[in-house]
Protein backbone atom coordinates (compact mmCIF):
# COMPACT_ATOMS: atom_id res chain seq x y z
CA MET A 1 5.44 5.13 -11.35
CA SER A 2 9.26 4.61 -11.52
CA THR A 3 11.24 3.22 -8.88
CA ASP A 4 13.05 6.38 -8.39
CA GLU A 5 9.72 8.41 -7.75
CA ILE A 6 8.50 5.70 -5.29
CA ALA A 7 11.75 5.78 -3.24
CA LYS A 8 10.82 9.57 -2.59
CA LYS A 9 7.34 8.82 -0.96
CA GLU A 10 6.76 8.06 2.75
CA ALA A 11 6.24 4.35 3.22
CA TYR A 12 3.67 3.50 5.99
CA ILE A 13 3.08 -0.30 6.43
CA SER A 14 4.83 -3.03 4.46
CA VAL A 15 3.85 -6.48 4.73
CA ASN A 16 6.10 -9.65 3.16
CA SER A 17 4.69 -13.14 2.72
CA LEU A 18 5.75 -16.24 0.91
CA ILE A 19 3.54 -18.37 -1.79
CA HIS A 20 4.74 -21.72 -2.43
CA ALA A 21 4.17 -21.16 -6.21
CA PRO A 22 5.98 -19.75 -9.08
CA VAL A 23 5.76 -15.99 -9.81
CA GLU A 24 4.34 -16.91 -13.17
CA GLU A 25 1.32 -18.42 -11.44
CA VAL A 26 0.72 -15.65 -8.77
CA TRP A 27 1.41 -12.51 -10.98
CA PRO A 28 -2.03 -13.04 -13.34
CA PHE A 29 -4.23 -12.87 -10.14
CA VAL A 30 -2.38 -9.43 -9.25
CA ALA A 31 -2.48 -7.89 -12.55
CA ALA A 32 -5.89 -8.94 -13.47
CA VAL A 33 -8.13 -5.56 -12.74
CA GLY A 34 -11.64 -6.43 -11.93
CA ILE A 35 -11.35 -9.78 -10.03
CA GLU A 36 -10.01 -8.50 -6.82
CA LYS A 37 -13.06 -9.76 -5.28
CA LEU A 38 -11.48 -13.36 -5.41
CA TRP A 39 -8.57 -12.61 -3.10
CA TYR A 40 -8.58 -8.71 -2.34
CA HIS A 41 -9.92 -9.11 1.76
CA GLY A 42 -13.12 -7.79 2.24
CA CYS A 43 -13.90 -6.73 -1.67
CA THR A 44 -17.48 -7.76 -2.41
CA LYS A 45 -17.40 -6.20 -5.81
CA SER A 46 -14.75 -5.09 -8.28
CA THR A 47 -14.80 -3.44 -11.77
CA ALA A 48 -12.44 -2.01 -14.02
CA SER A 49 -12.44 0.14 -17.10
CA GLY A 50 -9.95 1.49 -19.47
CA GLY A 51 -8.49 -1.69 -20.48
CA PRO A 52 -5.97 -3.99 -18.87
CA GLY A 53 -2.70 -2.76 -17.04
CA LYS A 54 -1.44 0.77 -16.67
CA GLY A 55 -4.01 3.62 -16.82
CA ALA A 56 -7.04 1.34 -16.03
CA ILE A 57 -9.26 2.21 -13.52
CA ARG A 58 -10.79 -0.23 -10.78
CA VAL A 59 -13.66 0.43 -8.52
CA MET A 60 -13.99 -2.19 -5.43
CA GLN A 61 -16.59 -2.32 -2.91
CA PHE A 62 -15.94 -2.78 0.73
CA PRO A 63 -18.23 -3.10 3.69
CA HIS A 64 -16.67 0.47 4.98
CA GLY A 65 -16.63 2.10 1.52
CA LEU A 66 -16.03 2.13 -2.18
CA TYR A 67 -12.59 2.97 -3.60
CA THR A 68 -11.67 4.26 -7.02
CA GLU A 69 -8.05 3.48 -8.01
CA ARG A 70 -6.00 4.16 -11.31
CA ILE A 71 -3.28 1.86 -11.80
CA GLU A 72 -0.06 3.46 -12.41
CA ASP A 73 2.20 0.04 -13.44
CA CYS A 74 1.60 -3.26 -14.14
CA ASP A 75 4.97 -4.63 -15.20
CA PRO A 76 4.87 -8.44 -16.20
CA THR A 77 8.63 -8.39 -16.34
CA THR A 78 9.58 -6.99 -12.81
CA HIS A 79 6.13 -8.31 -11.50
CA ARG A 80 5.29 -4.70 -9.95
CA PHE A 81 2.07 -3.65 -9.54
CA VAL A 82 1.44 -0.09 -8.34
CA TYR A 83 -1.91 1.79 -7.98
CA LYS A 84 -3.11 5.25 -6.78
CA LEU A 85 -6.02 5.90 -4.61
CA LEU A 86 -8.43 8.58 -6.36
CA GLN A 87 -10.46 11.05 -4.42
CA PRO A 88 -12.91 11.06 -2.95
CA HIS A 89 -11.30 8.59 0.25
CA ASP A 90 -11.54 8.10 3.65
CA VAL A 91 -7.81 7.39 4.01
CA PRO A 92 -6.03 10.23 6.30
CA ALA A 93 -3.30 10.63 3.70
CA LYS A 94 -1.98 12.70 1.09
CA ASP A 95 -1.98 10.99 -2.32
CA PRO A 96 -1.76 7.40 -1.26
CA PHE A 97 -0.90 4.46 -3.38
CA GLY A 98 0.42 0.76 -3.02
CA VAL A 99 2.97 -1.33 -4.70
CA ILE A 100 2.52 -5.08 -4.80
CA GLN A 101 6.05 -6.34 -5.68
CA LEU A 102 6.45 -10.05 -6.52
CA GLU A 103 9.56 -11.42 -6.55
CA GLN A 104 10.55 -15.22 -7.30
CA VAL A 105 13.04 -16.68 -4.51
CA GLY A 106 12.89 -20.23 -5.06
CA THR A 107 11.97 -22.89 -7.66
CA ASP A 108 8.50 -22.75 -6.65
CA VAL A 109 8.52 -19.85 -4.11
CA THR A 110 7.23 -16.27 -4.83
CA LYS A 111 7.86 -13.33 -2.11
CA VAL A 112 5.10 -10.97 -1.88
CA THR A 113 5.95 -7.26 -0.86
CA TRP A 114 2.80 -5.27 -0.44
CA THR A 115 3.46 -1.64 0.82
CA ALA A 116 1.40 1.42 1.39
CA TYR A 117 2.90 4.85 0.57
CA ALA A 118 2.02 8.41 0.30
CA ASP A 119 3.64 11.83 0.26
CA SER A 120 2.77 12.17 3.73
CA TRP A 121 0.58 10.13 6.53
CA GLY A 122 -0.75 12.04 9.35
CA GLN A 123 -0.73 10.89 12.63
CA GLU A 124 -4.36 9.84 12.45
CA ALA A 125 -3.44 7.73 9.58
CA LYS A 126 -1.11 6.19 11.83
CA ALA A 127 -3.38 5.56 14.36
CA VAL A 128 -6.62 4.46 12.06
CA MET A 129 -5.45 2.81 8.93
CA GLY A 130 -2.28 0.72 10.54
CA GLU A 131 -4.00 -2.23 11.83
CA ARG A 132 -6.72 -2.01 8.84
CA LEU A 133 -4.01 -2.05 6.22
CA SER A 134 -1.86 -4.38 7.89
CA GLN A 135 -4.78 -6.93 8.01
CA THR A 136 -6.19 -6.34 4.71
CA TYR A 137 -2.73 -6.99 3.06
CA GLU A 138 -2.01 -10.26 5.19
CA ASN A 139 -5.69 -11.34 4.59
CA SER A 140 -5.30 -10.68 1.27
CA ILE A 141 -2.12 -12.38 0.60
CA SER A 142 -3.51 -15.74 2.39
CA ALA A 143 -6.09 -15.64 -0.01
CA LEU A 144 -3.80 -15.50 -3.13
CA ARG A 145 -1.46 -18.47 -0.99
CA LYS A 146 -4.91 -20.34 -1.11
CA ILE A 147 -5.55 -20.18 -4.75
CA CYS A 148 -1.96 -20.28 -6.03
CA GLU A 149 -0.79 -23.21 -3.84
CA ALA A 150 -4.13 -25.43 -4.23
């Protein structure tokens, strides 16, 4: 999924945070499909199929449900990871997907920006998903921070 394609979508929520570690130490955890339970908040089980990177399918189990995602982009040069939520799912949005963008902002500092997008977000999505997504993203980045800053 190109930057131009993403720009045409509706961003719903975005979380930014810093990790005091070089981007090269953070990226492998974000890009490694199938190890999400190590850092993705609430994920109790994660599996992957279809190989690493773009086109891989990951399945993640959470207390509130099972989610299947296809990796749309996993670029080690731009440090951009894009995943699309596949049907069935309980997210009240049309074609939701997420983007995790890492950016080196200092010698040993990485900025993490995690954004939820969709073709459209209904009022129900805004009422139901905002708090859940924000907490999930913030807690997941915090877990990455603990791993990478150790």
